[in-house]
Structure formats: structure tokens, C-alpha cells
N, C-alpha and C. Protein backbone atom coordinates (compact mmCIF):
# COMPACT_ATOMS: atom_id res chain seq x y z
N MET A 1 9.95 -12.21 28.00
CA MET A 1 9.98 -11.09 27.23
C MET A 1 9.39 -11.32 25.90
N SER A 2 8.58 -10.44 25.56
CA SER A 2 7.86 -10.45 24.17
C SER A 2 8.95 -10.47 23.05
N SER A 3 8.68 -10.87 21.90
CA SER A 3 9.66 -11.08 20.94
C SER A 3 9.55 -9.64 20.09
N PRO A 4 10.68 -9.30 19.21
CA PRO A 4 10.59 -7.90 18.53
C PRO A 4 9.34 -7.98 17.55
N THR A 5 8.97 -8.91 16.95
CA THR A 5 7.69 -8.73 16.22
C THR A 5 6.63 -8.43 17.08
N THR A 6 6.37 -9.13 18.08
CA THR A 6 5.03 -8.75 18.84
C THR A 6 5.17 -7.40 19.52
N ARG A 7 6.37 -6.96 19.92
CA ARG A 7 6.64 -5.56 20.41
C ARG A 7 6.24 -4.57 19.25
N PHE A 8 6.97 -4.92 18.02
CA PHE A 8 6.66 -3.98 17.03
C PHE A 8 5.21 -3.82 16.53
N ARG A 9 4.42 -4.85 16.50
CA ARG A 9 3.10 -4.85 16.05
C ARG A 9 2.31 -3.86 17.22
N SER A 10 2.56 -4.12 18.50
CA SER A 10 1.91 -3.36 19.44
C SER A 10 2.15 -1.86 19.37
N ASP A 11 3.56 -1.70 19.21
CA ASP A 11 3.97 -0.30 19.21
C ASP A 11 3.53 0.43 17.80
N LEU A 12 3.68 -0.21 16.80
CA LEU A 12 3.21 0.45 15.42
C LEU A 12 1.64 0.84 15.57
N LEU A 13 0.85 -0.13 15.97
CA LEU A 13 -0.54 0.38 16.16
C LEU A 13 -0.73 1.39 17.23
N GLY A 14 0.17 1.54 18.16
CA GLY A 14 0.12 2.65 19.14
C GLY A 14 0.52 3.98 18.25
N TRP A 15 1.55 3.88 17.72
CA TRP A 15 2.18 5.06 17.03
C TRP A 15 1.06 5.52 15.79
N SER A 16 0.29 4.58 15.41
CA SER A 16 -0.69 5.11 14.34
C SER A 16 -1.80 5.93 14.88
N ASN A 17 -1.87 5.84 16.22
CA ASN A 17 -2.99 6.71 16.64
C ASN A 17 -2.83 8.19 16.35
N ASP A 18 -1.80 8.61 16.25
CA ASP A 18 -1.32 10.10 16.13
C ASP A 18 -0.47 10.29 14.86
N ASN A 19 -0.22 9.37 14.05
CA ASN A 19 0.78 9.52 12.97
C ASN A 19 0.43 9.24 11.66
N LEU A 20 -0.72 8.63 11.35
CA LEU A 20 -1.23 8.30 10.08
C LEU A 20 -1.34 9.33 9.19
N ARG A 21 -0.67 9.49 7.90
CA ARG A 21 -0.95 10.30 6.86
C ARG A 21 -2.60 10.37 6.49
N ASP A 22 -2.91 11.60 5.93
CA ASP A 22 -4.31 11.94 5.66
C ASP A 22 -4.34 12.10 4.08
N PHE A 23 -4.88 11.02 3.43
CA PHE A 23 -4.89 11.11 1.89
C PHE A 23 -6.45 10.79 1.59
N PRO A 24 -6.94 11.30 0.47
CA PRO A 24 -8.43 11.24 0.19
C PRO A 24 -8.92 9.58 0.12
N TRP A 25 -8.04 8.67 -0.43
CA TRP A 25 -8.48 7.47 -0.61
C TRP A 25 -8.60 6.84 0.61
N ARG A 26 -8.10 7.19 1.65
CA ARG A 26 -7.94 6.48 3.00
C ARG A 26 -9.40 6.92 3.77
N GLU A 27 -10.22 7.72 3.36
CA GLU A 27 -11.39 7.90 3.98
C GLU A 27 -12.25 6.78 4.28
N SER A 28 -12.93 6.66 5.33
CA SER A 28 -13.78 5.43 5.61
C SER A 28 -14.89 5.27 4.42
N LYS A 29 -15.19 4.18 4.34
CA LYS A 29 -16.36 3.67 3.32
C LYS A 29 -15.95 3.93 2.07
N ARG A 30 -14.58 3.92 1.63
CA ARG A 30 -14.27 4.02 0.31
C ARG A 30 -14.67 2.58 -0.39
N SER A 31 -15.23 2.65 -1.51
CA SER A 31 -15.33 1.35 -2.38
C SER A 31 -14.32 0.81 -2.74
N LEU A 32 -14.42 -0.58 -3.22
CA LEU A 32 -13.26 -1.43 -3.84
C LEU A 32 -12.67 -0.61 -5.04
N TYR A 33 -13.66 -0.14 -5.64
CA TYR A 33 -13.03 0.42 -7.09
C TYR A 33 -12.28 1.86 -6.63
N GLU A 34 -12.86 2.72 -5.62
CA GLU A 34 -12.07 3.87 -5.35
C GLU A 34 -10.78 3.57 -4.70
N VAL A 35 -10.63 2.66 -3.76
CA VAL A 35 -9.31 2.20 -3.42
C VAL A 35 -8.41 1.66 -4.42
N PHE A 36 -9.02 0.83 -5.34
CA PHE A 36 -8.26 0.11 -6.42
C PHE A 36 -7.49 1.39 -7.31
N VAL A 37 -8.40 2.46 -7.58
CA VAL A 37 -7.85 3.47 -8.50
C VAL A 37 -6.59 4.10 -7.79
N ALA A 38 -7.00 4.49 -6.45
CA ALA A 38 -5.70 4.94 -5.80
C ALA A 38 -4.44 4.10 -5.77
N GLU A 39 -4.61 2.91 -5.46
CA GLU A 39 -3.39 1.89 -5.29
C GLU A 39 -2.73 1.78 -6.76
N PHE A 40 -3.44 1.81 -7.77
CA PHE A 40 -3.10 1.56 -9.23
C PHE A 40 -2.23 2.81 -9.50
N PHE A 41 -2.72 4.09 -9.14
CA PHE A 41 -2.00 5.21 -9.47
C PHE A 41 -0.70 5.35 -8.65
N LEU A 42 -0.69 4.79 -7.24
CA LEU A 42 0.40 5.17 -6.48
C LEU A 42 1.62 4.20 -6.74
N THR A 43 1.48 3.25 -7.68
CA THR A 43 2.53 2.57 -8.24
C THR A 43 3.56 3.46 -8.96
N GLN A 44 4.56 3.66 -8.69
CA GLN A 44 5.56 4.61 -9.27
C GLN A 44 5.33 5.95 -9.29
N THR A 45 4.24 6.34 -8.34
CA THR A 45 4.02 7.95 -8.30
C THR A 45 3.81 8.33 -6.87
N PRO A 46 4.35 9.65 -6.36
CA PRO A 46 4.36 9.99 -4.94
C PRO A 46 3.01 10.12 -4.64
N ALA A 47 2.71 9.84 -3.44
CA ALA A 47 1.32 9.86 -2.75
C ALA A 47 0.76 11.38 -3.01
N GLU A 48 1.66 12.40 -2.89
CA GLU A 48 1.08 13.68 -2.92
C GLU A 48 0.59 14.20 -4.45
N ASN A 49 1.30 13.53 -5.50
CA ASN A 49 0.89 13.81 -6.74
C ASN A 49 -0.38 13.04 -7.13
N VAL A 50 -0.68 11.95 -6.55
CA VAL A 50 -1.97 11.21 -6.61
C VAL A 50 -2.86 12.05 -6.14
N ALA A 51 -2.74 12.35 -4.90
CA ALA A 51 -3.65 13.21 -4.15
C ALA A 51 -4.39 14.34 -4.97
N ALA A 52 -3.42 15.15 -5.67
CA ALA A 52 -3.80 16.29 -6.55
C ALA A 52 -4.83 15.71 -7.71
N VAL A 53 -4.83 14.73 -8.04
CA VAL A 53 -5.46 14.24 -9.33
C VAL A 53 -6.71 13.36 -8.75
N TYR A 54 -6.67 12.63 -7.77
CA TYR A 54 -7.55 11.68 -7.48
C TYR A 54 -9.00 12.20 -7.20
N PRO A 55 -9.13 13.12 -6.52
CA PRO A 55 -10.64 13.79 -6.57
C PRO A 55 -11.32 14.04 -7.81
N GLN A 56 -10.65 14.65 -8.63
CA GLN A 56 -10.88 15.03 -10.00
C GLN A 56 -11.34 13.76 -10.81
N PHE A 57 -10.38 12.72 -10.74
CA PHE A 57 -10.52 11.47 -11.32
C PHE A 57 -11.92 10.75 -11.15
N LEU A 58 -12.04 10.65 -9.69
CA LEU A 58 -13.33 10.17 -9.38
C LEU A 58 -14.74 10.98 -9.67
N ASP A 59 -14.39 12.14 -9.78
CA ASP A 59 -15.64 13.01 -10.16
C ASP A 59 -15.94 12.98 -11.61
N ARG A 60 -15.09 12.54 -12.35
CA ARG A 60 -15.32 12.29 -13.78
C ARG A 60 -15.77 10.85 -14.12
N PHE A 61 -15.01 10.01 -13.21
CA PHE A 61 -15.05 8.57 -13.53
C PHE A 61 -15.42 7.84 -12.21
N PRO A 62 -16.60 7.89 -11.75
CA PRO A 62 -16.94 7.23 -10.53
C PRO A 62 -17.10 5.76 -10.43
N THR A 63 -17.27 5.15 -11.59
CA THR A 63 -17.55 3.83 -11.70
C THR A 63 -16.66 3.15 -12.98
N LEU A 64 -16.57 1.78 -12.84
CA LEU A 64 -15.96 1.24 -14.09
C LEU A 64 -16.71 1.52 -15.38
N GLU A 65 -17.83 1.58 -15.29
CA GLU A 65 -18.73 1.83 -16.41
C GLU A 65 -18.54 3.34 -16.97
N SER A 66 -18.29 4.25 -16.14
CA SER A 66 -17.98 5.55 -16.65
C SER A 66 -16.58 5.48 -17.28
N LEU A 67 -15.63 4.74 -16.78
CA LEU A 67 -14.38 4.60 -17.47
C LEU A 67 -14.49 4.05 -18.90
N ARG A 68 -15.36 2.99 -18.96
CA ARG A 68 -15.51 2.22 -20.21
C ARG A 68 -16.11 3.30 -21.42
N GLU A 69 -17.18 4.14 -20.82
CA GLU A 69 -17.76 5.09 -21.67
C GLU A 69 -16.92 6.18 -22.14
N ALA A 70 -16.02 6.59 -21.22
CA ALA A 70 -15.25 7.90 -21.57
C ALA A 70 -14.24 7.30 -22.57
N GLY A 71 -13.67 6.24 -22.54
CA GLY A 71 -12.45 6.01 -23.61
C GLY A 71 -11.37 6.27 -22.90
N GLU A 72 -10.18 5.67 -23.69
CA GLU A 72 -8.87 5.70 -23.32
C GLU A 72 -8.31 7.04 -23.48
N GLU A 73 -8.58 7.89 -24.42
CA GLU A 73 -7.96 9.19 -24.76
C GLU A 73 -8.51 10.22 -23.60
N THR A 74 -9.73 10.33 -23.21
CA THR A 74 -10.27 10.91 -22.22
C THR A 74 -9.80 10.80 -20.83
N VAL A 75 -9.63 9.50 -20.53
CA VAL A 75 -8.99 8.98 -19.36
C VAL A 75 -7.59 9.58 -19.29
N ALA A 76 -6.71 9.52 -20.30
CA ALA A 76 -5.29 9.67 -20.34
C ALA A 76 -5.11 11.35 -20.18
N ARG A 77 -6.05 12.01 -20.61
CA ARG A 77 -6.04 13.69 -20.49
C ARG A 77 -6.15 13.94 -19.08
N VAL A 78 -7.11 13.25 -18.21
CA VAL A 78 -7.46 13.56 -16.88
C VAL A 78 -6.15 13.17 -16.08
N ILE A 79 -5.56 12.03 -16.33
CA ILE A 79 -4.43 11.79 -15.43
C ILE A 79 -2.97 11.94 -16.08
N GLU A 80 -2.91 12.86 -16.99
CA GLU A 80 -1.59 13.33 -17.57
C GLU A 80 -0.58 13.67 -16.35
N PRO A 81 -0.98 14.54 -15.33
CA PRO A 81 -0.18 15.04 -14.42
C PRO A 81 0.66 13.82 -13.74
N LEU A 82 0.13 12.63 -13.71
CA LEU A 82 0.57 11.65 -13.06
C LEU A 82 1.78 10.94 -13.64
N GLY A 83 1.89 11.07 -15.12
CA GLY A 83 2.88 10.42 -15.86
C GLY A 83 2.31 8.97 -16.18
N PHE A 84 2.99 8.47 -17.15
CA PHE A 84 2.63 7.18 -17.67
C PHE A 84 1.09 7.12 -18.30
N GLN A 85 0.59 8.27 -18.60
CA GLN A 85 -0.86 8.56 -18.74
C GLN A 85 -1.45 7.41 -19.71
N ASN A 86 -0.77 7.20 -20.83
CA ASN A 86 -1.24 6.35 -21.96
C ASN A 86 -1.27 5.04 -21.48
N MET A 87 -0.19 4.42 -20.94
CA MET A 87 -0.25 3.15 -20.46
C MET A 87 -1.35 2.85 -19.33
N ARG A 88 -1.37 3.85 -18.39
CA ARG A 88 -2.34 3.64 -17.33
C ARG A 88 -3.91 3.82 -17.88
N ALA A 89 -4.04 4.67 -18.73
CA ALA A 89 -5.49 4.78 -19.39
C ALA A 89 -5.79 3.55 -20.08
N ALA A 90 -4.92 2.95 -20.91
CA ALA A 90 -5.42 1.79 -21.72
C ALA A 90 -5.60 0.57 -20.74
N ALA A 91 -4.77 0.60 -19.78
CA ALA A 91 -4.93 -0.62 -18.73
C ALA A 91 -6.45 -0.44 -18.01
N LEU A 92 -6.65 0.74 -17.62
CA LEU A 92 -7.82 0.90 -16.87
C LEU A 92 -9.18 0.85 -17.67
N THR A 93 -9.07 1.21 -18.91
CA THR A 93 -10.14 1.21 -19.72
C THR A 93 -10.39 -0.25 -20.46
N ASN A 94 -9.16 -0.99 -20.56
CA ASN A 94 -9.39 -2.31 -20.82
C ASN A 94 -10.01 -3.16 -19.84
N ILE A 95 -9.69 -2.76 -18.48
CA ILE A 95 -10.27 -3.51 -17.25
C ILE A 95 -11.83 -3.38 -17.25
N ALA A 96 -11.97 -2.12 -17.55
CA ALA A 96 -13.32 -1.59 -17.52
C ALA A 96 -14.24 -2.23 -18.61
N THR A 97 -13.63 -2.53 -19.79
CA THR A 97 -14.26 -3.16 -20.83
C THR A 97 -14.61 -4.60 -20.47
N GLU A 98 -13.59 -5.37 -19.78
CA GLU A 98 -13.75 -6.74 -19.64
C GLU A 98 -14.56 -7.05 -18.22
N HIS A 99 -14.84 -5.93 -17.49
CA HIS A 99 -15.31 -6.28 -16.22
C HIS A 99 -16.38 -5.40 -15.72
N ARG A 100 -17.60 -5.67 -15.35
CA ARG A 100 -18.55 -4.71 -15.01
C ARG A 100 -18.38 -4.32 -13.52
N THR A 101 -17.80 -5.39 -12.85
CA THR A 101 -17.34 -4.95 -11.43
C THR A 101 -15.98 -5.58 -11.16
N LEU A 102 -15.37 -5.03 -10.13
CA LEU A 102 -13.96 -5.43 -9.86
C LEU A 102 -14.00 -6.63 -9.12
N PRO A 103 -13.07 -7.49 -9.52
CA PRO A 103 -13.03 -8.98 -8.74
C PRO A 103 -12.73 -8.57 -7.19
N ASP A 104 -13.02 -9.60 -6.37
CA ASP A 104 -12.59 -9.20 -4.96
C ASP A 104 -11.86 -10.30 -4.30
N THR A 105 -11.11 -10.93 -5.31
CA THR A 105 -9.96 -11.98 -4.67
C THR A 105 -8.61 -11.55 -5.18
N VAL A 106 -7.63 -11.90 -4.47
CA VAL A 106 -6.34 -11.50 -4.87
C VAL A 106 -5.86 -12.07 -6.28
N ASP A 107 -6.13 -13.19 -6.33
CA ASP A 107 -5.83 -14.07 -7.68
C ASP A 107 -6.47 -13.38 -8.88
N GLU A 108 -7.83 -12.99 -8.65
CA GLU A 108 -8.50 -12.36 -9.80
C GLU A 108 -7.92 -10.89 -10.13
N LEU A 109 -7.71 -10.11 -8.96
CA LEU A 109 -7.12 -8.94 -9.16
C LEU A 109 -5.90 -8.85 -9.83
N GLU A 110 -4.81 -9.85 -9.35
CA GLU A 110 -3.70 -9.98 -9.97
C GLU A 110 -3.65 -10.31 -11.49
N SER A 111 -4.89 -10.88 -11.98
CA SER A 111 -4.87 -11.35 -13.29
C SER A 111 -5.19 -10.11 -14.22
N LEU A 112 -5.50 -8.99 -13.52
CA LEU A 112 -5.93 -7.58 -14.27
C LEU A 112 -4.69 -7.35 -14.94
N GLU A 113 -4.75 -6.29 -16.05
CA GLU A 113 -3.72 -5.77 -16.69
C GLU A 113 -2.93 -4.75 -15.94
N ARG A 114 -1.80 -4.90 -15.84
CA ARG A 114 -0.77 -4.25 -15.04
C ARG A 114 -1.08 -3.87 -13.62
N VAL A 115 -1.63 -5.16 -12.99
CA VAL A 115 -1.99 -5.16 -11.58
C VAL A 115 -0.90 -6.14 -10.89
N GLY A 116 -0.24 -5.81 -10.03
CA GLY A 116 0.54 -6.86 -9.31
C GLY A 116 0.12 -7.29 -8.00
N PRO A 117 0.99 -7.93 -7.17
CA PRO A 117 0.69 -8.48 -5.69
C PRO A 117 0.40 -7.40 -4.87
N TYR A 118 1.20 -6.29 -5.05
CA TYR A 118 1.03 -5.37 -4.05
C TYR A 118 -0.38 -4.61 -4.17
N VAL A 119 -0.78 -4.23 -5.48
CA VAL A 119 -1.88 -3.47 -5.56
C VAL A 119 -3.12 -4.45 -5.30
N ALA A 120 -3.08 -5.66 -5.67
CA ALA A 120 -4.13 -6.61 -5.16
C ALA A 120 -4.18 -6.62 -3.82
N HIS A 121 -3.24 -6.95 -2.92
CA HIS A 121 -3.42 -7.02 -1.46
C HIS A 121 -3.79 -5.72 -0.95
N ALA A 122 -3.26 -4.50 -1.31
CA ALA A 122 -3.54 -3.57 -0.61
C ALA A 122 -4.95 -2.90 -0.85
N THR A 123 -5.38 -3.27 -2.12
CA THR A 123 -6.66 -2.81 -2.47
C THR A 123 -7.87 -3.65 -1.66
N LEU A 124 -7.75 -4.99 -1.37
CA LEU A 124 -8.56 -5.80 -0.43
C LEU A 124 -8.46 -5.47 0.89
N CYS A 125 -7.14 -5.25 1.29
CA CYS A 125 -6.95 -4.93 2.67
C CYS A 125 -7.61 -3.57 3.10
N PHE A 126 -7.18 -2.59 2.28
CA PHE A 126 -7.66 -1.14 2.61
C PHE A 126 -9.23 -0.97 2.42
N ALA A 127 -9.68 -1.62 1.45
CA ALA A 127 -11.00 -1.49 1.23
C ALA A 127 -12.06 -2.16 1.98
N GLN A 128 -11.54 -3.28 2.30
CA GLN A 128 -12.36 -4.35 3.01
C GLN A 128 -11.71 -4.88 4.29
N ASP A 129 -10.81 -4.27 4.82
CA ASP A 129 -10.04 -4.53 6.16
C ASP A 129 -9.74 -6.13 6.10
N ARG A 130 -9.27 -6.75 5.00
CA ARG A 130 -8.81 -8.12 5.11
C ARG A 130 -7.48 -8.16 5.69
N ARG A 131 -7.29 -9.52 6.28
CA ARG A 131 -6.01 -9.75 6.89
C ARG A 131 -5.15 -10.28 5.71
N LEU A 132 -4.57 -9.24 4.99
CA LEU A 132 -3.70 -9.51 3.72
C LEU A 132 -2.33 -8.59 4.05
N PRO A 133 -1.11 -9.28 3.63
CA PRO A 133 0.07 -8.43 3.96
C PRO A 133 0.19 -7.50 2.60
N VAL A 134 0.93 -6.35 2.71
CA VAL A 134 1.30 -5.47 1.70
C VAL A 134 2.90 -5.45 1.80
N VAL A 135 3.50 -5.73 0.69
CA VAL A 135 4.96 -5.74 0.73
C VAL A 135 5.31 -4.78 -0.56
N ASP A 136 5.83 -3.88 -0.18
CA ASP A 136 6.60 -2.83 -1.26
C ASP A 136 8.03 -2.62 -0.76
N ARG A 137 8.64 -1.60 -1.45
CA ARG A 137 10.11 -1.30 -1.18
C ARG A 137 10.33 -0.91 0.18
N ASN A 138 9.41 0.03 0.76
CA ASN A 138 9.48 0.52 1.94
C ASN A 138 9.20 -0.59 3.13
N VAL A 139 8.22 -1.41 2.92
CA VAL A 139 7.98 -2.33 3.83
C VAL A 139 9.20 -3.45 3.98
N LYS A 140 9.76 -3.70 2.80
CA LYS A 140 10.77 -4.58 2.88
C LYS A 140 11.93 -4.19 3.59
N ARG A 141 12.29 -2.64 3.42
CA ARG A 141 13.24 -2.08 4.13
C ARG A 141 13.02 -2.16 5.80
N VAL A 142 11.71 -1.88 6.08
CA VAL A 142 11.49 -1.86 7.72
C VAL A 142 11.71 -3.27 8.11
N TYR A 143 11.13 -4.37 7.61
CA TYR A 143 11.25 -5.56 8.08
C TYR A 143 12.85 -6.07 8.03
N ARG A 144 13.39 -5.67 6.93
CA ARG A 144 14.70 -6.22 6.88
C ARG A 144 15.64 -5.65 8.08
N ARG A 145 15.52 -4.36 8.30
CA ARG A 145 16.12 -3.71 9.52
C ARG A 145 15.81 -4.22 10.73
N LEU A 146 14.28 -4.50 11.04
CA LEU A 146 13.85 -4.89 12.08
C LEU A 146 14.37 -6.36 12.51
N LEU A 147 14.28 -7.25 11.59
CA LEU A 147 14.56 -8.61 11.51
C LEU A 147 15.95 -9.09 11.35
N GLY A 148 16.65 -8.39 10.57
CA GLY A 148 18.02 -8.80 10.25
C GLY A 148 17.94 -9.90 9.57
N THR A 149 18.82 -11.04 9.97
CA THR A 149 18.90 -12.32 9.19
C THR A 149 17.45 -13.13 9.15
N ASP A 150 16.47 -12.81 10.02
CA ASP A 150 15.46 -13.55 10.16
C ASP A 150 14.41 -13.13 8.95
N TRP A 151 14.79 -12.02 8.17
CA TRP A 151 13.82 -11.65 7.16
C TRP A 151 14.51 -12.27 5.94
N PRO A 152 13.48 -13.03 5.31
CA PRO A 152 14.04 -14.06 4.13
C PRO A 152 14.55 -13.04 2.78
N GLU A 153 15.19 -13.85 2.05
CA GLU A 153 15.61 -13.21 0.66
C GLU A 153 14.68 -13.27 -0.45
N SER A 154 14.09 -14.53 -0.50
CA SER A 154 13.07 -14.87 -1.39
C SER A 154 11.82 -14.08 -1.49
N SER A 155 11.13 -13.61 -2.46
CA SER A 155 10.03 -12.79 -2.46
C SER A 155 8.88 -13.69 -1.97
N SER A 156 8.58 -14.92 -2.13
CA SER A 156 7.62 -15.67 -1.76
C SER A 156 7.70 -15.79 -0.25
N ASP A 157 8.89 -15.93 0.32
CA ASP A 157 8.94 -16.15 1.78
C ASP A 157 8.69 -14.80 2.38
N GLN A 158 8.95 -13.78 1.84
CA GLN A 158 8.82 -12.41 2.37
C GLN A 158 7.29 -12.15 2.50
N TRP A 159 6.62 -12.60 1.53
CA TRP A 159 5.11 -12.49 1.50
C TRP A 159 4.53 -13.25 2.67
N ARG A 160 5.03 -14.46 2.83
CA ARG A 160 4.42 -15.46 3.75
C ARG A 160 4.91 -14.98 5.22
N VAL A 161 6.05 -14.43 5.43
CA VAL A 161 6.41 -13.83 6.86
C VAL A 161 5.52 -12.56 7.13
N ALA A 162 5.31 -11.73 5.97
CA ALA A 162 4.70 -10.37 6.28
C ALA A 162 3.32 -10.72 6.53
N ALA A 163 2.70 -11.80 5.91
CA ALA A 163 1.30 -12.25 6.14
C ALA A 163 1.13 -12.66 7.59
N ASN A 164 2.13 -13.26 8.20
CA ASN A 164 2.22 -13.93 9.58
C ASN A 164 2.13 -12.53 10.55
N LEU A 165 2.60 -11.48 10.22
CA LEU A 165 2.77 -10.51 11.15
C LEU A 165 1.66 -9.57 11.25
N VAL A 166 0.75 -9.52 10.04
CA VAL A 166 -0.46 -8.81 10.14
C VAL A 166 -1.42 -9.11 11.24
N PRO A 167 -1.62 -8.34 12.13
CA PRO A 167 -2.63 -8.52 13.42
C PRO A 167 -3.96 -8.95 12.87
N PRO A 168 -4.55 -10.01 13.36
CA PRO A 168 -5.97 -10.22 12.64
C PRO A 168 -6.92 -9.14 13.31
N GLU A 169 -6.76 -8.48 14.41
CA GLU A 169 -7.71 -7.56 14.89
C GLU A 169 -7.70 -6.15 14.22
N ALA A 170 -6.57 -5.92 13.50
CA ALA A 170 -6.49 -4.65 12.83
C ALA A 170 -5.67 -4.59 11.68
N PRO A 171 -6.09 -5.44 10.62
CA PRO A 171 -5.18 -5.52 9.45
C PRO A 171 -4.88 -4.31 8.68
N ARG A 172 -6.12 -3.51 8.37
CA ARG A 172 -5.98 -2.32 7.71
C ARG A 172 -5.18 -1.16 8.30
N ARG A 173 -5.45 -0.94 9.63
CA ARG A 173 -4.81 0.04 10.38
C ARG A 173 -3.05 -0.32 10.54
N TYR A 174 -2.96 -1.52 10.50
CA TYR A 174 -1.60 -2.07 10.78
C TYR A 174 -0.80 -1.81 9.55
N ASN A 175 -1.44 -2.05 8.30
CA ASN A 175 -0.80 -2.06 6.97
C ASN A 175 -0.58 -0.43 6.73
N LEU A 176 -1.47 0.29 6.85
CA LEU A 176 -1.40 1.60 6.64
C LEU A 176 -0.14 2.35 7.58
N ALA A 177 -0.19 1.96 8.79
CA ALA A 177 0.82 2.61 9.75
C ALA A 177 2.34 1.91 9.20
N LEU A 178 2.27 0.77 8.65
CA LEU A 178 3.65 0.01 8.49
C LEU A 178 3.91 1.15 7.20
N LEU A 179 3.11 1.20 6.19
CA LEU A 179 3.51 2.12 5.20
C LEU A 179 4.15 3.47 5.37
N ASP A 180 3.29 4.09 6.46
CA ASP A 180 3.74 5.41 6.79
C ASP A 180 4.98 5.36 7.82
N PHE A 181 5.10 4.49 8.52
CA PHE A 181 6.37 4.11 9.46
C PHE A 181 7.57 4.29 8.42
N GLY A 182 7.47 3.48 7.15
CA GLY A 182 8.37 3.41 6.33
C GLY A 182 8.89 4.72 5.61
N ALA A 183 7.84 5.49 5.43
CA ALA A 183 7.83 6.74 4.82
C ALA A 183 8.56 7.79 5.83
N GLU A 184 8.01 7.85 6.91
CA GLU A 184 8.35 9.03 7.93
C GLU A 184 9.58 8.60 8.93
N ILE A 185 9.65 7.36 9.14
CA ILE A 185 10.64 7.10 10.29
C ILE A 185 11.77 6.13 9.77
N CYS A 186 11.41 5.09 9.13
CA CYS A 186 12.36 4.06 8.61
C CYS A 186 12.64 4.27 7.26
N ARG A 187 13.16 5.49 7.09
CA ARG A 187 13.36 5.98 5.58
C ARG A 187 14.68 5.47 5.13
N PRO A 188 15.14 5.59 3.83
CA PRO A 188 16.49 5.17 3.41
C PRO A 188 17.54 5.60 4.26
N GLU A 189 17.34 6.87 4.92
CA GLU A 189 18.17 7.54 5.80
C GLU A 189 17.42 7.32 7.24
N PRO A 190 17.56 6.29 7.97
CA PRO A 190 16.53 6.14 9.11
C PRO A 190 16.58 7.24 10.21
N ARG A 191 15.66 7.45 10.76
CA ARG A 191 15.47 8.47 12.03
C ARG A 191 15.30 7.64 13.10
N CYS A 192 16.48 6.89 13.39
CA CYS A 192 16.54 6.06 14.54
C CYS A 192 16.38 6.66 15.99
N SER A 193 16.77 8.03 16.05
CA SER A 193 16.65 8.64 17.41
C SER A 193 15.38 8.92 17.80
N VAL A 194 14.40 8.86 16.82
CA VAL A 194 13.12 9.11 17.20
C VAL A 194 12.05 7.76 16.83
N CYS A 195 12.87 6.73 16.80
CA CYS A 195 12.14 5.63 16.28
C CYS A 195 11.76 4.63 17.82
N PHE A 196 10.53 4.14 17.73
CA PHE A 196 10.10 3.45 18.95
C PHE A 196 10.77 2.12 18.85
N ALA A 197 11.10 1.61 17.83
CA ALA A 197 11.60 0.15 17.74
C ALA A 197 13.00 0.22 17.85
N SER A 198 13.76 1.13 18.17
CA SER A 198 15.13 0.95 18.49
C SER A 198 15.52 0.16 19.36
N PRO A 199 15.00 0.08 20.61
CA PRO A 199 15.37 -1.03 21.59
C PRO A 199 15.45 -2.34 20.99
N TYR A 200 14.75 -2.74 20.05
CA TYR A 200 14.74 -4.16 19.68
C TYR A 200 15.01 -4.36 18.11
N CYS A 201 15.64 -3.39 17.60
CA CYS A 201 15.71 -3.31 16.02
C CYS A 201 17.04 -3.96 15.64
N SER A 202 17.11 -4.83 15.02
CA SER A 202 18.34 -5.53 14.58
C SER A 202 19.53 -4.40 14.00
N TYR A 203 18.90 -3.66 13.04
CA TYR A 203 19.62 -2.91 12.38
C TYR A 203 20.31 -1.72 13.32
N TYR A 204 19.60 -1.24 14.14
CA TYR A 204 19.96 -0.28 15.24
C TYR A 204 21.06 -0.91 16.18
N SER A 205 20.94 -2.09 16.62
CA SER A 205 21.81 -2.70 17.47
C SER A 205 23.28 -3.05 16.76
N GLN A 206 23.17 -3.47 15.52
CA GLN A 206 24.40 -3.63 14.86
C GLN A 206 24.92 -2.54 14.29
N SER A 207 24.41 -1.32 14.41
CA SER A 207 24.99 -0.19 14.03
C SER A 207 25.86 0.63 15.09
N GLY A 208 25.93 -0.27 16.18
CA GLY A 208 26.68 0.18 17.40
C GLY A 208 25.97 1.41 18.16
N ASN A 209 24.50 1.30 18.20
CA ASN A 209 23.94 2.38 18.91
C ASN A 209 23.21 1.81 20.26
N GLU A 210 23.54 0.58 20.71
CA GLU A 210 22.91 0.04 21.81
C GLU A 210 23.43 0.96 22.94
């Protein structure tokens, strides 16, 4: 019998065929910069709010150079509906001032102002289909429920385990599906009755639903 993680990977990829959410930054052939901008904004902001501003932002600032030339105040006005506009505009224009092109390694991206591990990993995975894990609050919830005590407590171990679970043949699609599964099915109030993973989910079995 296959392990829960093996079954989950296969089932999640199957689920993704009909259930991935449609956002403009997920369109094919988005550049590293375009994906980075989206992931930068998605931190602490609902995806629907980002989607309302994202096309206008790229129209005004299609490159790092255009950000640099526009300046902090202009950028802040465009992204005001997202909140944290002054902080975000300052960080983006500083990045644009210091870099002519975006770095393309995790360590280099993490060194940028207000860029953490999630944004760095998500940017490279979704823009370049690299086999990198993405671990945010929703992903942690999914794996904690699925794996039970096999999901580690320390952040570094969580990233290590998550990295091993990303299938080499479809890292981008798997991680997009993982995020959407956490948003749509394995929510804080889980929809176990419609979840494909219920037969092998530790949380479901311990809830007395077997």
C-alpha cells in the first residue's frame, strides 16, 4: 500500500486538473519580475485584492527600471488599495535602485528588503518551475493535518519535509494546487466531507470520522 504522502501527491495533482484558481499572475510565461511582484503583494493581502490592482501595476511599472524611475510616492499611490503602501513602495523602489535585474537564487532573493523565504521560494517555483517548497500558514495546516505527529515543529524541519514532498515532475502545479487546496478544502474549518485525502488523513481519522 502506498504511503499517505505518495497518495496525497498523486491525488492533489489529479484534483488540480479542474480546481486551480485563476489569477493573472498565474498566466503562463510570466517573467520572474511579474511573479515576484505578485508574491510580494500577496503577503498579508487577500489574492482577490491583489488581482484588482496587479494589472494596473504592471501597466505602470512593467520593469524594475520603471519602478526606479517612477519613485516611491508614485508607486505608493498605485498600490494604496492593498494597504501597507508606503512600506511596500519603499521596499520595491529600493530593490529597483539596487538591482538592474532580479536575482534568481533563493538566498539572493531572501536578501532583498522585506522578502522572506516564502516569497523567494514561490517566485522561483512559479516563474521557473523549480523544485522548491512553499510553506505558508495554509500549507502548514494541510501538512499538519495530513501527517499528524510526522509533521515537525521546527520551521527548518518543516521546510525540509516540504521540499521532499514536492514532485520533481510537476513542482509548479503541485505547489499551486497545495495553496488552493488549503484555501478551498483544508480550511481552518475543514471540508472533510468533500476532501479526497480523508481516507488517509491523520486529522480526519483522529476526529472519529473513520
